Protein backbone atom coordinates (compact mmCIF):
# COMPACT_ATOMS: atom_id res chain seq x y z
CA MET A 1 -13.40 23.45 70.79
CA PRO A 2 -17.15 23.26 70.12
CA ASP A 3 -18.61 19.93 71.26
CA GLU A 4 -21.94 18.10 71.15
CA THR A 5 -23.31 20.35 73.92
CA ASP A 6 -22.62 23.41 71.75
CA ARG A 7 -24.44 21.79 68.83
CA LYS A 8 -27.48 21.03 71.00
CA MET A 9 -27.63 24.58 72.34
CA MET A 10 -27.31 25.95 68.81
CA GLU A 11 -30.23 23.75 67.72
CA ILE A 12 -32.31 25.06 70.65
CA LEU A 13 -31.58 28.61 69.48
CA ARG A 14 -32.59 27.66 65.93
CA ILE A 15 -35.89 26.20 67.16
CA LEU A 16 -36.69 29.35 69.13
CA ALA A 17 -35.73 31.57 66.18
CA ASP A 18 -37.77 29.54 63.67
CA ARG A 19 -40.89 29.44 65.84
CA ASP A 20 -40.60 33.09 66.89
CA GLU A 21 -42.58 32.49 70.09
CA VAL A 22 -42.19 31.52 73.73
CA LEU A 23 -41.56 27.76 73.95
CA GLY A 24 -41.42 25.37 76.90
CA ALA A 25 -38.99 22.52 77.50
CA LYS A 26 -41.52 19.90 76.36
CA THR A 27 -42.04 21.52 72.95
CA ILE A 28 -38.31 22.07 72.48
CA ALA A 29 -37.56 18.45 73.41
CA LEU A 30 -40.06 17.25 70.76
CA GLU A 31 -38.54 19.53 68.12
CA LEU A 32 -35.05 18.31 69.01
CA LYS A 33 -36.21 14.71 68.68
CA ASN A 34 -37.46 15.49 65.17
CA LYS A 35 -33.97 16.80 64.38
CA GLY A 36 -32.31 13.62 65.67
CA TYR A 37 -31.38 14.76 69.19
CA ASP A 38 -32.71 12.49 71.95
CA LEU A 39 -32.82 15.09 74.72
CA GLY A 40 -35.40 14.86 77.50
CA GLU A 41 -37.18 17.81 79.11
CA ARG A 42 -34.81 17.80 82.09
CA ALA A 43 -31.75 17.98 79.84
CA VAL A 44 -33.39 20.75 77.80
CA ARG A 45 -33.96 22.79 80.96
CA TYR A 46 -30.26 22.34 81.85
CA HIS A 47 -29.17 23.64 78.44
CA MET A 48 -31.68 26.49 78.64
CA ARG A 49 -30.23 27.68 81.94
CA ILE A 50 -26.82 27.91 80.28
CA LEU A 51 -28.33 29.87 77.39
CA ASP A 52 -30.06 32.18 79.90
CA GLU A 53 -26.75 32.82 81.65
CA LYS A 54 -25.09 33.70 78.34
CA GLY A 55 -27.93 36.11 77.55
CA PHE A 56 -28.97 34.18 74.45
CA THR A 57 -32.45 33.32 75.78
CA GLU A 58 -34.84 34.89 78.26
CA ARG A 59 -37.35 33.21 80.53
CA LYS A 60 -40.95 34.38 80.19
CA GLY A 61 -42.68 33.27 83.37
CA TYR A 62 -43.82 29.66 83.38
CA ALA A 63 -44.53 29.65 79.62
CA GLY A 64 -40.92 29.02 78.65
CA ARG A 65 -38.18 30.92 76.84
CA GLU A 66 -37.71 33.12 73.84
CA ILE A 67 -34.56 33.98 71.97
CA THR A 68 -32.94 37.39 72.57
CA GLU A 69 -31.29 39.73 70.07
CA LYS A 70 -27.95 38.54 71.41
CA GLY A 71 -29.07 34.97 70.82
CA LEU A 72 -30.04 35.75 67.22
CA LYS A 73 -26.61 37.27 66.60
CA GLU A 74 -24.90 34.24 68.14
CA LEU A 75 -27.01 31.97 65.94
CA GLU A 76 -25.93 33.87 62.83
CA LYS A 77 -22.24 33.34 63.49
CA GLY A 78 -22.13 30.42 65.94
CA LEU A 79 -20.87 27.02 64.80
CA ILE A 80 -19.86 28.10 61.34
CA TYR A 81 -18.91 24.59 60.21
CA ASP A 82 -22.44 23.54 61.15
CA GLN A 83 -23.95 26.56 59.40
CA VAL A 84 -22.39 25.51 56.08
CA ASP A 85 -24.22 22.18 56.37
CA PHE A 86 -27.35 23.85 57.74
CA ILE A 87 -28.05 26.12 54.76
CA PHE A 88 -28.85 23.24 52.40
CA SER A 89 -30.76 21.33 55.08
CA LYS A 90 -32.77 24.50 55.76
CA PHE A 91 -33.91 24.55 52.14
CA GLU A 92 -34.74 20.85 52.26
CA ASN A 93 -36.82 21.52 55.36
CA MET A 94 -38.67 24.37 53.64
CA ILE A 95 -39.26 22.23 50.56
CA TYR A 96 -40.73 19.48 52.72
CA HIS A 97 -43.09 21.92 54.48
CA THR A 98 -44.44 23.37 51.22
CA THR A 99 -48.04 22.14 50.92
CA LEU A 100 -49.54 24.44 48.27
CA ASP A 101 -51.96 22.53 46.04
CA PRO A 102 -52.11 24.06 42.55
CA GLN A 103 -55.59 22.62 42.03
CA ASN A 104 -57.27 24.70 44.76
CA ALA A 105 -54.53 27.28 45.55
CA ARG A 106 -54.44 26.26 49.19
CA GLY A 107 -51.55 25.37 51.45
CA ASN A 108 -48.22 26.72 52.68
CA VAL A 109 -45.63 28.49 50.56
CA VAL A 110 -42.02 29.46 51.35
CA VAL A 111 -41.51 33.21 51.66
CA ASN A 112 -38.67 35.69 51.81
CA THR A 113 -39.26 38.29 54.52
CA SER A 114 -38.07 41.86 54.06
CA PHE A 115 -38.21 45.01 56.16
CA PHE A 116 -38.09 48.62 54.95
CA GLN A 117 -39.42 52.09 55.70
CA TYR A 118 -42.74 52.58 53.93
CA SER A 119 -43.03 55.18 51.18
CA LYS A 120 -44.97 55.53 47.94
CA ASN A 121 -41.70 55.58 46.01
CA ILE A 122 -40.49 52.20 47.21
CA MET A 123 -43.93 50.67 46.69
CA ASN A 124 -43.95 51.99 43.12
CA ILE A 125 -40.56 50.38 42.48
CA LEU A 126 -41.80 47.06 43.86
CA LYS A 127 -44.99 47.17 41.77
CA GLU A 128 -42.98 47.99 38.66
CA VAL A 129 -40.87 44.86 39.07
CA PHE A 130 -43.79 42.61 40.04
CA THR A 131 -45.71 43.86 36.98
CA SER A 132 -42.78 42.97 34.73
CA GLY A 133 -42.92 39.33 35.85
CA LEU A 134 -39.38 39.43 37.29
CA ALA A 135 -40.54 37.62 40.44
CA VAL A 136 -41.77 34.17 41.35
CA SER A 137 -45.25 35.51 42.07
CA PRO A 138 -47.12 38.83 42.43
CA PHE A 139 -48.73 37.56 45.64
CA ILE A 140 -47.43 39.28 48.78
CA LYS A 141 -48.26 39.82 52.43
CA LEU A 142 -47.64 43.36 53.66
CA SER A 143 -47.89 44.53 57.26
CA LYS A 144 -46.68 47.47 59.31
CA GLU A 145 -44.87 47.30 62.62
CA LYS A 146 -46.76 48.84 65.53
CA ASP A 147 -46.12 52.55 66.08
CA LYS A 148 -43.49 52.58 63.37
CA ASN A 149 -43.27 53.35 59.70
CA ILE A 150 -41.50 50.05 59.08
CA CYS A 151 -43.06 47.54 56.71
CA LYS A 152 -42.73 43.79 56.77
CA LEU A 153 -43.14 42.23 53.34
CA ASP A 154 -43.45 38.50 52.64
CA THR A 155 -42.81 37.51 49.02
CA ILE A 156 -42.89 34.01 47.56
CA CYS A 157 -39.50 32.32 47.38
CA GLY A 158 -38.39 30.12 44.49
CA THR A 159 -38.05 27.26 46.97
CA THR A 160 -41.86 27.03 46.81
CA ILE A 161 -41.46 25.74 43.26
CA ASP A 162 -39.13 22.97 44.48
CA GLY A 163 -41.70 22.07 47.14
CA MET A 164 -44.55 21.87 44.63
CA LEU A 165 -42.47 19.71 42.29
CA ARG A 166 -41.61 17.41 45.20
CA LYS A 167 -45.30 17.10 46.11
CA GLU A 168 -45.84 15.81 42.58
CA GLY A 169 -43.27 13.10 43.26
CA ILE A 170 -40.52 14.78 41.26
CA PRO A 171 -37.08 14.52 42.93
CA VAL A 172 -35.72 18.02 42.34
CA VAL A 173 -32.28 19.07 43.61
CA PRO A 174 -31.42 22.78 44.15
CA GLN A 175 -27.83 23.30 43.02
CA TYR A 176 -26.91 26.96 42.59
CA GLY A 177 -27.97 30.50 43.22
CA GLY A 178 -26.47 33.15 40.94
CA LEU A 179 -26.82 36.00 38.49
CA VAL A 180 -28.26 35.69 34.97
CA GLU A 181 -27.32 38.11 32.22
CA ILE A 182 -30.35 39.51 30.35
CA LYS A 183 -29.86 40.97 26.88
CA ASP A 184 -32.73 42.56 24.96
CA TYR A 185 -35.14 40.98 27.50
CA SER A 186 -33.82 37.47 26.75
CA PRO A 187 -32.00 35.39 29.41
CA LEU A 188 -28.52 34.77 28.02
CA ARG A 189 -26.45 32.88 30.64
CA PHE A 190 -25.47 32.64 34.26
CA THR A 191 -22.45 34.85 34.92
CA GLU A 192 -21.96 34.02 38.62
CA LEU A 193 -22.86 31.00 40.75
CA ILE A 194 -22.57 29.74 44.34
CA ALA A 195 -23.42 26.17 45.28
CA TYR A 196 -26.07 25.65 47.98
CA LYS A 197 -23.97 23.01 49.73
CA LYS A 198 -20.83 25.12 49.92
CA THR A 199 -21.65 28.27 51.85
CA SER A 200 -22.73 29.59 55.24
CA MET A 201 -24.97 32.20 53.61
CA THR A 202 -27.91 31.60 51.29
CA PRO A 203 -26.42 31.71 47.75
CA LEU A 204 -28.69 34.49 46.50
CA GLU A 205 -27.90 36.46 49.66
CA ALA A 206 -24.40 36.86 48.24
CA PHE A 207 -25.85 38.70 45.24
CA THR A 208 -28.29 41.10 46.91
CA ASP A 209 -25.85 44.01 46.99
CA GLN A 210 -26.85 46.93 44.76
CA GLU A 211 -23.43 46.87 43.09
CA MET A 212 -24.00 43.33 41.80
CA THR A 213 -27.57 43.39 40.40
CA SER A 214 -29.32 45.57 37.81
CA VAL A 215 -32.94 44.44 38.05
CA LEU A 216 -34.34 47.93 37.40
CA ARG A 217 -32.27 48.31 34.25
CA VAL A 218 -33.61 44.98 33.00
CA VAL A 219 -37.19 46.16 33.64
CA ARG A 220 -36.67 49.51 31.91
CA GLU A 221 -34.07 48.76 29.24
CA GLY A 222 -34.02 44.98 28.83
CA ASN A 223 -30.35 44.54 29.75
CA GLY A 224 -28.62 43.70 33.02
CA LEU A 225 -28.14 41.08 35.71
CA ILE A 226 -30.85 39.48 37.85
CA PRO A 227 -30.68 36.89 40.66
CA ALA A 228 -31.87 33.41 39.70
CA ASN A 229 -31.74 29.81 40.91
CA PHE A 230 -30.77 26.59 39.20
CA ARG A 231 -31.91 23.05 39.98
CA VAL A 232 -31.89 19.65 38.27
CA LEU A 233 -34.37 16.78 38.04
CA PRO A 234 -34.51 13.41 36.25
CA GLN A 235 -35.15 13.45 32.50
CA ASN A 236 -38.06 11.04 32.98
CA ALA A 237 -39.81 13.67 35.12
CA ARG A 238 -39.48 16.49 32.57
CA GLN A 239 -42.99 16.21 31.12
CA LYS A 240 -44.61 16.07 34.55
CA ALA A 241 -42.53 19.06 35.63
CA GLN A 242 -43.82 21.05 32.64
CA GLU A 243 -47.39 20.13 33.55
CA THR A 244 -46.76 21.23 37.14
CA PHE A 245 -45.39 24.57 35.95
CA ARG A 246 -48.56 25.09 33.88
CA LYS A 247 -50.69 24.41 36.97
CA MET A 248 -48.58 26.80 39.06
CA ASN A 249 -48.86 29.50 36.44
CA LYS A 250 -52.66 29.36 36.64
CA ILE A 251 -52.60 30.32 40.33
CA GLY A 252 -49.98 33.05 39.92
CA ILE A 253 -46.71 31.23 40.55
CA SER A 254 -44.18 31.09 37.75
CA GLY A 255 -40.71 32.58 37.29
CA LEU A 256 -39.58 29.83 34.92
CA MET A 257 -36.82 31.07 32.61
CA LYS A 258 -35.79 27.82 30.97
CA ILE A 259 -36.22 24.08 31.29
CA GLY A 260 -33.60 22.16 29.34
CA GLU A 261 -33.68 18.96 27.36
CA ASN A 262 -31.96 15.73 28.40
CA GLY A 263 -28.32 16.52 29.30
CA GLU A 264 -28.56 20.01 27.74
CA SER A 265 -26.70 22.94 29.28
CA VAL A 266 -29.03 25.56 30.70
CA LEU A 267 -27.93 29.21 30.53
CA GLY A 268 -24.30 28.15 30.51
CA ILE A 269 -24.49 25.48 33.25
CA PRO A 270 -23.56 21.94 32.15
CA VAL A 271 -26.10 19.21 33.00
CA ASP A 272 -25.38 15.49 33.33
CA GLU A 273 -26.89 13.01 30.87
CA ASP A 274 -30.34 11.74 31.91
CA MET A 275 -30.91 14.93 33.93
CA VAL A 276 -32.70 18.18 33.10
CA GLY A 277 -31.73 21.66 34.25
CA ILE A 278 -34.21 24.35 35.27
CA ALA A 279 -33.53 28.07 35.75
CA VAL A 280 -36.01 30.08 37.81
CA ILE A 281 -36.15 33.82 38.53
CA GLY A 282 -35.13 34.82 42.06
CA GLY A 283 -37.99 35.69 44.38
CA ILE A 284 -35.96 38.60 45.78
CA ASN A 285 -35.72 40.54 42.51
CA PRO A 286 -38.26 43.25 43.46
CA LEU A 287 -36.36 43.88 46.71
CA CYS A 288 -33.03 44.00 44.87
CA ALA A 289 -34.52 46.66 42.60
CA ALA A 290 -35.50 48.69 45.66
CA LYS A 291 -31.93 48.46 46.97
CA GLU A 292 -30.60 49.53 43.57
CA ALA A 293 -32.84 52.60 43.81
CA GLY A 294 -31.17 53.52 47.10
CA PHE A 295 -33.71 52.22 49.61
CA ASP A 296 -32.55 50.50 52.78
CA VAL A 297 -34.02 47.00 52.63
CA ASN A 298 -33.28 44.11 55.00
CA ILE A 299 -33.87 40.86 53.10
CA ARG A 300 -34.19 37.48 54.82
CA LEU A 301 -34.31 34.62 52.35
CA ALA A 302 -36.44 31.47 52.70
CA GLU A 303 -37.39 32.71 56.15
CA LYS A 304 -40.52 30.64 56.80
CA THR A 305 -43.70 29.15 55.33
CA ILE A 306 -47.09 30.87 55.44
CA ASP A 307 -50.57 30.08 54.16
CA PHE A 308 -50.98 31.17 50.54
CA SER A 309 -54.58 32.22 51.26
CA THR A 310 -53.27 35.03 53.53
CA MET A 311 -51.46 36.66 50.59
CA THR A 312 -52.88 39.14 48.09
CA ARG A 313 -51.94 40.03 44.52
CA ILE A 314 -50.06 43.34 44.42
CA THR A 315 -50.55 43.84 40.68
CA LYS A 316 -51.37 42.16 37.39
CA THR A 317 -48.34 40.88 35.54
CA LYS A 318 -47.19 41.53 31.99
CA PRO A 319 -44.03 39.39 31.71
CA LEU A 320 -41.21 41.16 29.87
CA LEU A 321 -38.74 38.32 29.43
CA LYS A 322 -38.66 36.60 26.07
CA THR A 323 -38.13 32.92 25.43
CA THR A 324 -34.49 31.96 25.68
CA GLY A 325 -32.63 31.28 22.47
CA PRO A 326 -30.09 28.55 21.70
CA GLU A 327 -27.38 27.93 24.27
CA THR A 328 -24.29 30.10 23.83
CA SER A 329 -20.83 28.58 23.76
CA LYS A 330 -19.91 30.48 26.93
CA LYS A 331 -20.06 28.41 30.10
CA VAL A 332 -19.88 29.56 33.70
CA LYS A 333 -16.26 29.75 34.80
CA PHE A 334 -15.72 28.41 38.29
CA LEU A 335 -13.06 30.04 40.42
CA LEU A 336 -11.23 26.88 41.46
CA SER A 337 -10.28 25.97 37.87
CA LYS A 338 -8.61 29.35 37.44
CA ALA A 339 -7.07 29.13 40.91
CA TRP A 340 -5.44 25.74 40.31
CA ASN A 341 -3.78 26.98 37.12
CA LEU A 342 -2.38 30.00 38.97
CA ILE A 343 -1.33 27.84 41.93
CA TYR A 344 0.65 25.66 39.53
CA ASN A 345 2.52 28.73 38.23
CA VAL A 346 3.67 29.88 41.68
CA ASP A 347 7.44 29.43 41.92
CA PHE A 348 8.54 31.58 44.84
CA ASP A 349 12.01 30.69 46.10
CA LEU A 350 12.09 30.56 49.91
CA GLU A 351 15.86 31.15 50.00
CA THR A 352 16.26 34.05 47.58
CA HIS A 353 12.74 35.46 48.11
CA THR A 354 12.24 35.79 44.37
CA GLY A 355 9.86 34.31 41.85
CA PRO A 356 6.23 34.33 40.70
CA VAL A 357 3.32 34.72 43.15
CA ILE A 358 -0.45 35.03 42.68
CA ALA A 359 -1.65 38.63 42.78
CA ASN A 360 -4.93 40.39 43.50
CA ILE A 361 -5.36 43.64 41.58
CA SER A 362 -7.66 46.39 42.89
CA HIS A 363 -8.48 49.73 41.28
CA VAL A 364 -8.95 53.19 42.83
CA ASN A 365 -9.47 56.59 41.26
CA LYS A 366 -6.13 58.27 40.61
CA GLU A 367 -6.99 61.21 42.85
CA ASP A 368 -7.67 58.80 45.74
CA LEU A 369 -4.42 56.84 45.47
CA GLU A 370 -2.43 58.84 48.04
CA LYS A 371 -5.15 58.58 50.68
CA ALA A 372 -5.67 54.89 49.86
CA LEU A 373 -1.97 54.17 50.37
CA GLU A 374 -2.03 55.93 53.74
CA ILE A 375 -4.74 53.53 54.92
CA PHE A 376 -2.91 50.60 53.30
CA SER A 377 0.23 51.58 55.23
CA GLN A 378 -1.74 51.96 58.46
CA VAL A 379 -2.94 48.36 58.28
CA MET A 380 0.40 46.89 57.25
CA SER A 381 2.46 48.80 59.81
CA THR A 382 0.06 48.28 62.74
CA ARG A 383 -1.07 44.69 62.14
CA PRO A 384 1.17 43.19 59.44
CA GLU A 385 -0.20 39.73 60.27
CA TYR A 386 -3.54 40.80 58.75
CA GLY A 387 -1.90 41.18 55.34
CA ILE A 388 -0.73 37.98 53.66
CA SER A 389 2.54 39.52 52.52
CA LYS A 390 4.75 42.58 52.73
CA TYR A 391 4.91 42.75 48.91
CA TYR A 392 2.73 45.12 46.85
CA GLN A 393 2.89 47.05 43.59
CA ILE A 394 1.29 50.22 42.18
CA ILE A 395 0.35 49.83 38.51
CA LYS A 396 -0.50 52.94 36.48
CA ASP A 397 -2.91 53.15 33.53
CA LEU A 398 -4.05 49.52 33.70
CA VAL A 399 -7.60 50.92 33.73
CA ASP A 400 -8.47 54.38 32.38
CA GLY A 401 -8.66 56.98 35.14
CA LYS A 402 -7.58 54.43 37.75
CA SER A 403 -4.49 53.48 39.69
CA SER A 404 -4.17 49.80 40.49
CA ILE A 405 -2.81 48.20 43.65
CA ALA A 406 -1.46 44.68 43.37
CA THR A 407 -1.30 42.60 46.56
CA VAL A 408 -0.20 39.02 47.05
CA CYS A 409 -3.09 36.52 47.13
CA SER A 410 -3.25 33.98 49.96
CA LEU A 411 -3.45 31.16 47.39
CA THR A 412 0.26 31.77 46.90
CA ILE A 413 0.74 29.72 50.09
CA ASP A 414 -0.96 26.77 48.39
CA GLY A 415 1.36 27.22 45.42
CA ILE A 416 4.53 27.22 47.53
CA LEU A 417 3.43 24.14 49.48
CA ASN A 418 2.51 22.24 46.32
CA LYS A 419 5.88 23.04 44.73
CA LYS A 420 7.45 21.54 47.85
CA GLY A 421 5.43 18.35 47.43
CA ILE A 422 2.75 19.16 50.04
CA PRO A 423 -0.73 18.68 48.48
CA ALA A 424 -2.35 21.85 49.83
CA ALA A 425 -5.85 22.71 48.58
CA PRO A 426 -7.85 25.94 49.08
CA LYS A 427 -11.08 25.03 50.86
CA TYR A 428 -12.88 28.18 52.08
CA GLY A 429 -12.67 31.92 51.93
CA GLY A 430 -14.20 33.45 55.03
CA ILE A 431 -14.75 36.27 57.48
CA LEU A 432 -12.68 35.86 60.64
CA GLU A 433 -13.91 37.65 63.74
CA THR A 434 -10.80 38.69 65.65
CA SER A 435 -10.81 38.42 69.40
CA ALA A 436 -8.25 38.60 72.18
CA LYS A 437 -9.65 35.33 73.53
CA LYS A 438 -10.49 33.19 70.53
CA PRO A 439 -10.80 34.29 66.88
CA ARG A 440 -13.46 32.44 64.90
CA PHE A 441 -14.85 32.25 61.40
CA ILE A 442 -18.36 33.69 61.17
CA GLU A 443 -18.80 33.21 57.40
CA LEU A 444 -17.41 30.59 55.03
CA THR A 445 -17.85 30.04 51.29
CA ALA A 446 -16.10 27.21 49.47
CA TYR A 447 -13.80 27.91 46.56
CA ASN A 448 -15.22 24.76 44.99
CA GLY A 449 -18.69 25.53 43.61
CA SER A 450 -18.28 29.31 43.38
CA SER A 451 -17.56 31.44 40.33
CA LEU A 452 -16.50 34.41 42.46
CA ASP A 453 -13.75 34.65 45.03
CA PRO A 454 -15.56 34.60 48.40
CA HIS A 455 -13.59 37.63 49.57
CA GLU A 456 -14.93 39.71 46.67
CA ILE A 457 -18.45 38.80 47.79
CA TYR A 458 -17.79 39.81 51.39
CA LEU A 459 -16.25 43.10 50.28
CA SER A 460 -19.21 43.93 48.04
CA LYS A 461 -21.55 43.39 50.99
CA GLY A 462 -19.43 45.48 53.38
CA MET A 463 -18.94 42.61 55.82
CA THR A 464 -15.42 43.46 56.98
CA SER A 465 -14.25 45.78 59.74
CA VAL A 466 -10.48 45.68 59.25
CA LEU A 467 -9.98 49.20 60.61
CA GLU A 468 -11.63 48.10 63.85
CA ALA A 469 -9.59 44.88 63.90
CA VAL A 470 -6.40 46.92 63.59
CA LYS A 471 -7.33 48.85 66.74
CA ASP A 472 -8.96 46.07 68.75
CA GLN A 473 -11.58 43.56 67.61
CA GLY A 474 -13.16 43.39 64.19
CA ARG A 475 -13.68 41.20 61.12
CA ILE A 476 -10.98 40.41 58.59
CA LEU A 477 -10.78 38.32 55.44
CA ALA A 478 -9.09 34.95 55.86
CA SER A 479 -8.82 31.65 54.01
CA LEU A 480 -8.72 28.02 55.07
CA LYS A 481 -6.49 25.50 53.32
CA GLU A 482 -6.27 21.75 53.81
CA ILE A 483 -3.32 19.37 53.78
CA PRO A 484 -3.23 15.61 54.46
CA TYR A 485 -2.46 15.04 58.14
CA VAL A 486 0.49 12.79 57.26
CA ALA A 487 2.15 15.77 55.55
CA ARG A 488 1.69 18.09 58.55
CA PRO A 489 5.15 17.60 60.16
CA GLU A 490 6.96 18.45 56.93
CA ALA A 491 4.50 21.28 56.20
CA LEU A 492 5.27 22.88 59.58
CA ASP A 493 8.93 23.30 58.61
CA ILE A 494 8.05 24.74 55.20
CA LEU A 495 5.50 27.12 56.72
CA GLU A 496 8.17 28.44 59.09
CA ASP A 497 10.32 29.24 56.05
CA ILE A 498 7.30 30.85 54.39
CA LYS A 499 6.79 33.10 57.42
CA GLU A 500 10.49 34.04 57.45
CA ALA A 501 10.11 35.03 53.79
CA GLY A 502 7.58 37.69 54.82
CA PHE A 503 4.25 35.85 54.54
CA SER A 504 1.64 35.64 57.30
CA ILE A 505 0.12 32.41 58.65
CA LEU A 506 -2.48 32.84 61.38
CA ASP A 507 -2.79 29.26 62.59
CA ILE A 508 -2.01 25.64 61.74
CA GLY A 509 -4.49 23.07 63.02
CA LYS A 510 -3.95 19.57 64.27
CA PRO A 511 -5.24 16.54 62.32
CA SER A 512 -9.07 16.50 62.00
CA GLU A 513 -9.29 19.44 64.43
CA LEU A 514 -11.60 22.43 64.19
CA ILE A 515 -9.55 25.50 63.45
CA TYR A 516 -11.03 28.89 64.32
CA ASN A 517 -14.37 27.10 64.43
CA ALA A 518 -14.00 25.82 60.84
CA LYS A 519 -14.10 22.14 59.96
CA VAL A 520 -11.60 20.28 57.80
CA GLU A 521 -12.08 16.91 56.16
CA ARG A 522 -11.22 13.84 58.18
CA TYR A 523 -7.52 12.89 58.08
CA HIS A 524 -6.62 16.44 57.10
CA ALA A 525 -5.20 19.47 58.90
CA GLY A 526 -6.18 23.09 58.35
CA ILE A 527 -4.06 26.16 57.69
CA VAL A 528 -5.53 29.63 58.13
CA ALA A 529 -3.99 32.62 56.35
CA PRO A 530 -5.17 36.25 56.21
CA GLY A 531 -6.69 37.55 52.99
CA GLY A 532 -4.48 39.53 50.65
CA LEU A 533 -7.35 42.00 50.24
CA ASN A 534 -7.50 43.09 53.90
CA PRO A 535 -5.68 46.40 53.28
CA ILE A 536 -8.04 46.96 50.33
CA ALA A 537 -11.04 46.25 52.58
CA ALA A 538 -9.75 48.93 54.97
CA ILE A 539 -9.57 51.39 52.08
CA LYS A 540 -13.21 50.69 51.24
CA GLU A 541 -14.23 51.01 54.91
CA ALA A 542 -12.67 54.50 54.89
CA GLY A 543 -15.17 55.56 52.23
CA ILE A 544 -12.84 55.40 49.22
CA THR A 545 -14.27 53.84 46.08
CA VAL A 546 -12.30 50.72 45.25
CA GLU A 547 -12.86 47.83 42.85
CA PRO A 548 -11.23 44.70 44.32
CA LYS A 549 -10.32 41.77 42.09
CA ALA A 550 -8.98 38.61 43.69
CA VAL A 551 -6.96 35.73 42.19
CA GLU A 552 -6.18 37.81 39.13
CA THR A 553 -2.75 36.97 37.74
CA ILE A 554 0.86 35.90 38.29
CA MET A 555 3.46 38.55 39.19
CA ASP A 556 7.14 38.30 40.02
CA VAL A 557 7.92 39.72 43.47
CA SER A 558 11.11 41.19 41.98
CA ASN A 559 8.84 43.81 40.40
CA MET A 560 7.03 44.51 43.65
CA GLU A 561 7.85 46.79 46.57
CA GLU A 562 8.05 45.92 50.27
CA PHE A 563 6.40 47.60 53.24
């Protein structure tokens, strides 16, 4: 189980990664103190020796240590429960370190850092998007790696806006990252959202896949989906916020799509009374457009702060977006509301093995169905524990030109437990790294605060390796559920019956215990189940086009087949 020593070592790795330079024990000790860890130089040296032995850091003479590639990878997937908390605190840290003064255009701004192979074509795409105004700012910093044709591009992140508002004394709170639907060049509404406080990845990072955005189509046709952020601030600060936006606009920082009135919904997101909602264009939009055009782009969001004076304007802007119209009646639909209604309708009988379950429904081209089922069978016959259930169903003509594969959703477990009087609640969908020694979650996104099933997000980004997991070690979809610790003894008996009925449970945690490196609420116990879309993920990994849809509907297992 990770302990306080693990947390300290993870913070040391974060410090080395953030500073991107060789650091000595004294500097690290000071940085740790700023983060609330009272660790002296001697103790830092002790922890650094452990990190050296693990290969996460490397000593550079007497100057100190630097983080290794192995250390960076460990940092990305280390204490995942800590990473969920860290994402929001990272943004707060960046906001605090924003010092740009709109009066003289001097100071630090938060930037996204991207890497790609230089070509005139990709630069033309980027300029096209910057010119359209679908970015926070046209100011960039471009550099080339030594002896390589790889470019490093810093673009201004929307978090800079939060920092500038804070410097004006306005308490602004980032809430969501998501996708906004644009119709005839007018922002219509948010269609997808992820809460900043509920995920191990930056919210907009979830939407950078070329299958999810259509920035180029918005630029050229006026219709599509673009990444955007949403934050709230007090109604009393609205006028000052508008003045600040006008000042920012004069120095080339904008991206404002809409600022609401007191308690008014903004692009489909409800806002509390006495608060004001603000929607801002995502700073990564130009890079998303490049990915849509087929270019390989590595995007790192809110990576660091740099001096605004070191950046140059890539182009003049001619903003394409129109002023937003009246709010539509459509609101963003959060996943958990739909999930709870489906959970309520689960009525699977553990004795007769009949009754309604929650189903995922995924679509493949009809000509690919036979090959897809071969891969499906390979996963279920080799590692049946990686599929939530032995039940599945082929549905014809649900979608034109497609065959549909229904699989049981892991939220069915929550439904069965609730029907038995055990208050089980879905907490996270995640990526579980399988290992002969100790499996662990390396990504987590909460069901609460997301409009998409987390597993759909991970599939769209190609983050699984189920085919490798079947053979040895890989990454599978899994979910974490919570039950009150007082209900654990009774739940254990019911879960045994659930397993005998053909469902898979990977682990059941003890009260308040980390489970596969994931954290449950105090006085609760965790249950980890595999994702019902794991066989579908394997199909996608094999190169077959598949459209996965999780938490779709209720189906009776009597109409389903068994592997």
